Amino acid sequence: MVATQVPGQRAGAEDQRGAGAGRLEWWRWAACQEADPELFFPVAAQGPARGEIARAKAVCAGCRVRRQCLQFALATSQMHGVWGGTTEEERLPHVRRERELRERAGAVRVTTVH
């Protein structure tokens, strides 16, 4: 089992530490606020879990902050669960593309420093 905090829980922890105030403001409008968090973290991607994934994606489909949720997941390297209507597998191409861009940017900086 993977212990992952949903943004609302993470925001509460950050606010208690005095950091991140307003950074997760979008979470207030998330359609999943009223849903069971376990729905978004199925134990597998196959079998019966496919139904859970479909239900989680259905919640995300009607969410007005879906894009912010996906951006949060990518920015914080969320490796498990449905975020912004995407599964881990669906986020992998985004993660790889971002990693490649960072590596290229690092290579460009190294060559221009000379």
C-alpha atoms as a PDB file:
ATOM      1  CA  MET A   1       0.000   0.000   0.000  1.00  0.00           C
ATOM      2  CA  VAL A   2       1.227   3.451  -0.885  1.00  0.00           C
ATOM      3  CA  ALA A   3       0.587   6.306   1.523  1.00  0.00           C
ATOM      4  CA  THR A   4      -0.154   9.403  -0.508  1.00  0.00           C
ATOM      5  CA  GLN A   5      -1.720  12.610   0.688  1.00  0.00           C
ATOM      6  CA  VAL A   6      -4.320  14.263  -1.454  1.00  0.00           C
ATOM      7  CA  PRO A   7      -3.721  17.980  -2.061  1.00  0.00           C
ATOM      8  CA  GLY A   8      -6.196  19.045   0.610  1.00  0.00           C
ATOM      9  CA  GLN A   9      -4.353  17.039   3.254  1.00  0.00           C
ATOM     10  CA  ARG A  10      -1.005  18.319   2.026  1.00  0.00           C
ATOM     11  CA  ALA A  11      -2.282  21.908   2.022  1.00  0.00           C
ATOM     12  CA  GLY A  12      -3.481  21.530   5.594  1.00  0.00           C
ATOM     13  CA  ALA A  13      -0.080  20.237   6.680  1.00  0.00           C
ATOM     14  CA  GLU A  14       1.705  23.073   4.859  1.00  0.00           C
ATOM     15  CA  ASP A  15      -0.613  25.702   6.350  1.00  0.00           C
ATOM     16  CA  GLN A  16       0.102  24.337   9.823  1.00  0.00           C
ATOM     17  CA  ARG A  17       3.813  24.847   9.141  1.00  0.00           C
ATOM     18  CA  GLY A  18       3.086  28.361   7.836  1.00  0.00           C
ATOM     19  CA  ALA A  19       4.213  27.557   4.287  1.00  0.00           C
ATOM     20  CA  GLY A  20       2.294  27.232   1.050  1.00  0.00           C
ATOM     21  CA  ALA A  21      -0.600  29.484   1.957  1.00  0.00           C
ATOM     22  CA  GLY A  22      -2.729  29.912  -1.147  1.00  0.00           C
ATOM     23  CA  ARG A  23      -0.522  27.640  -3.236  1.00  0.00           C
ATOM     24  CA  LEU A  24      -3.202  24.961  -3.345  1.00  0.00           C
ATOM     25  CA  GLU A  25      -6.144  27.347  -3.503  1.00  0.00           C
ATOM     26  CA  TRP A  26      -7.488  25.402  -6.493  1.00  0.00           C
ATOM     27  CA  TRP A  27      -8.114  22.388  -4.266  1.00  0.00           C
ATOM     28  CA  ARG A  28     -11.152  24.121  -2.758  1.00  0.00           C
ATOM     29  CA  TRP A  29     -12.989  23.701  -6.069  1.00  0.00           C
ATOM     30  CA  ALA A  30     -11.926  20.117  -6.783  1.00  0.00           C
ATOM     31  CA  ALA A  31     -14.803  17.816  -7.695  1.00  0.00           C
ATOM     32  CA  CYS A  32     -13.201  15.012  -5.676  1.00  0.00           C
ATOM     33  CA  GLN A  33     -13.603  16.889  -2.384  1.00  0.00           C
ATOM     34  CA  GLU A  34     -16.702  14.871  -1.560  1.00  0.00           C
ATOM     35  CA  ALA A  35     -15.476  11.560  -3.008  1.00  0.00           C
ATOM     36  CA  ASP A  36     -13.768   8.736  -1.151  1.00  0.00           C
ATOM     37  CA  PRO A  37      -9.986   9.308  -1.583  1.00  0.00           C
ATOM     38  CA  GLU A  38      -9.454   5.539  -1.951  1.00  0.00           C
ATOM     39  CA  LEU A  39     -11.361   5.697  -5.229  1.00  0.00           C
ATOM     40  CA  PHE A  40      -8.439   7.664  -6.689  1.00  0.00           C
ATOM     41  CA  PHE A  41      -5.808   5.197  -5.467  1.00  0.00           C
ATOM     42  CA  PRO A  42      -6.790   1.729  -6.715  1.00  0.00           C
ATOM     43  CA  VAL A  43      -4.495  -1.126  -5.745  1.00  0.00           C
ATOM     44  CA  ALA A  44      -3.995  -2.240  -9.354  1.00  0.00           C
ATOM     45  CA  ALA A  45      -4.568  -1.023 -12.882  1.00  0.00           C
ATOM     46  CA  GLN A  46      -6.169  -4.274 -14.028  1.00  0.00           C
ATOM     47  CA  GLY A  47      -9.193  -6.367 -13.122  1.00  0.00           C
ATOM     48  CA  PRO A  48     -11.805  -4.882 -10.769  1.00  0.00           C
ATOM     49  CA  ALA A  49      -9.660  -1.786 -10.254  1.00  0.00           C
ATOM     50  CA  ARG A  50     -10.480  -0.725 -13.807  1.00  0.00           C
ATOM     51  CA  GLY A  51     -13.981   0.125 -12.605  1.00  0.00           C
ATOM     52  CA  GLU A  52     -12.577   2.266  -9.799  1.00  0.00           C
ATOM     53  CA  ILE A  53     -10.299   4.048 -12.258  1.00  0.00           C
ATOM     54  CA  ALA A  54     -13.254   4.702 -14.562  1.00  0.00           C
ATOM     55  CA  ARG A  55     -15.304   6.115 -11.656  1.00  0.00           C
ATOM     56  CA  ALA A  56     -12.408   8.326 -10.534  1.00  0.00           C
ATOM     57  CA  LYS A  57     -11.950   9.607 -14.091  1.00  0.00           C
ATOM     58  CA  ALA A  58     -15.690  10.321 -14.290  1.00  0.00           C
ATOM     59  CA  VAL A  59     -15.363  12.554 -11.209  1.00  0.00           C
ATOM     60  CA  CYS A  60     -12.362  14.277 -12.794  1.00  0.00           C
ATOM     61  CA  ALA A  61     -14.180  14.758 -16.105  1.00  0.00           C
ATOM     62  CA  GLY A  62     -16.601  17.188 -14.484  1.00  0.00           C
ATOM     63  CA  CYS A  63     -13.984  18.994 -12.423  1.00  0.00           C
ATOM     64  CA  ARG A  64     -13.274  22.663 -13.084  1.00  0.00           C
ATOM     65  CA  VAL A  65      -9.723  22.445 -11.681  1.00  0.00           C
ATOM     66  CA  ARG A  66      -8.672  19.289 -13.521  1.00  0.00           C
ATOM     67  CA  ARG A  67      -5.743  21.023 -15.241  1.00  0.00           C
ATOM     68  CA  GLN A  68      -4.382  22.410 -11.954  1.00  0.00           C
ATOM     69  CA  CYS A  69      -4.660  18.957 -10.399  1.00  0.00           C
ATOM     70  CA  LEU A  70      -2.673  17.400 -13.244  1.00  0.00           C
ATOM     71  CA  GLN A  71      -0.061  20.151 -12.992  1.00  0.00           C
ATOM     72  CA  PHE A  72       0.199  19.509  -9.250  1.00  0.00           C
ATOM     73  CA  ALA A  73       0.663  15.778  -9.831  1.00  0.00           C
ATOM     74  CA  LEU A  74       3.403  16.376 -12.383  1.00  0.00           C
ATOM     75  CA  ALA A  75       5.153  19.060 -10.338  1.00  0.00           C
ATOM     76  CA  THR A  76       5.177  16.920  -7.189  1.00  0.00           C
ATOM     77  CA  SER A  77       5.981  13.624  -8.946  1.00  0.00           C
ATOM     78  CA  GLN A  78       2.820  11.821  -7.884  1.00  0.00           C
ATOM     79  CA  MET A  79       3.546   8.290  -9.021  1.00  0.00           C
ATOM     80  CA  HIS A  80       0.320   6.676  -7.815  1.00  0.00           C
ATOM     81  CA  GLY A  81      -3.348   7.343  -8.264  1.00  0.00           C
ATOM     82  CA  VAL A  82      -5.644   9.235 -10.579  1.00  0.00           C
ATOM     83  CA  TRP A  83      -4.763  12.946 -10.754  1.00  0.00           C
ATOM     84  CA  GLY A  84      -6.338  15.415 -13.147  1.00  0.00           C
ATOM     85  CA  GLY A  85      -8.147  12.556 -14.852  1.00  0.00           C
ATOM     86  CA  THR A  86      -4.949  10.638 -15.631  1.00  0.00           C
ATOM     87  CA  THR A  87      -3.471   7.391 -14.345  1.00  0.00           C
ATOM     88  CA  GLU A  88       0.173   6.744 -13.554  1.00  0.00           C
ATOM     89  CA  GLU A  89       0.669   5.228 -17.002  1.00  0.00           C
ATOM     90  CA  GLU A  90      -0.959   8.190 -18.711  1.00  0.00           C
ATOM     91  CA  ARG A  91       1.282  10.642 -16.844  1.00  0.00           C
ATOM     92  CA  LEU A  92       4.507   8.819 -17.739  1.00  0.00           C
ATOM     93  CA  PRO A  93       4.898  10.471 -21.176  1.00  0.00           C
ATOM     94  CA  HIS A  94       4.551  13.898 -19.506  1.00  0.00           C
ATOM     95  CA  VAL A  95       7.151  12.973 -16.889  1.00  0.00           C
ATOM     96  CA  ARG A  96       9.563  11.675 -19.520  1.00  0.00           C
ATOM     97  CA  ARG A  97       9.109  14.756 -21.702  1.00  0.00           C
ATOM     98  CA  GLU A  98       9.759  17.082 -18.757  1.00  0.00           C
ATOM     99  CA  ARG A  99      12.848  15.092 -17.771  1.00  0.00           C
ATOM    100  CA  GLU A 100      14.193  15.269 -21.342  1.00  0.00           C
ATOM    101  CA  LEU A 101      13.590  19.028 -21.471  1.00  0.00           C
ATOM    102  CA  ARG A 102      15.443  19.527 -18.179  1.00  0.00           C
ATOM    103  CA  GLU A 103      18.337  17.366 -19.388  1.00  0.00           C
ATOM    104  CA  ARG A 104      18.561  19.296 -22.653  1.00  0.00           C
ATOM    105  CA  ALA A 105      18.427  22.602 -20.812  1.00  0.00           C
ATOM    106  CA  GLY A 106      21.217  21.407 -18.519  1.00  0.00           C
ATOM    107  CA  ALA A 107      23.315  20.324 -21.510  1.00  0.00           C
ATOM    108  CA  VAL A 108      22.796  23.681 -23.190  1.00  0.00           C
ATOM    109  CA  ARG A 109      23.860  25.534 -20.039  1.00  0.00           C
ATOM    110  CA  VAL A 110      26.984  23.405 -19.728  1.00  0.00           C
ATOM    111  CA  THR A 111      28.028  24.081 -23.307  1.00  0.00           C
ATOM    112  CA  THR A 112      27.399  27.839 -23.084  1.00  0.00           C
ATOM    113  CA  VAL A 113      29.340  28.271 -19.837  1.00  0.00           C
ATOM    114  CA  HIS A 114      32.718  27.686 -21.510  1.00  0.00           C
END
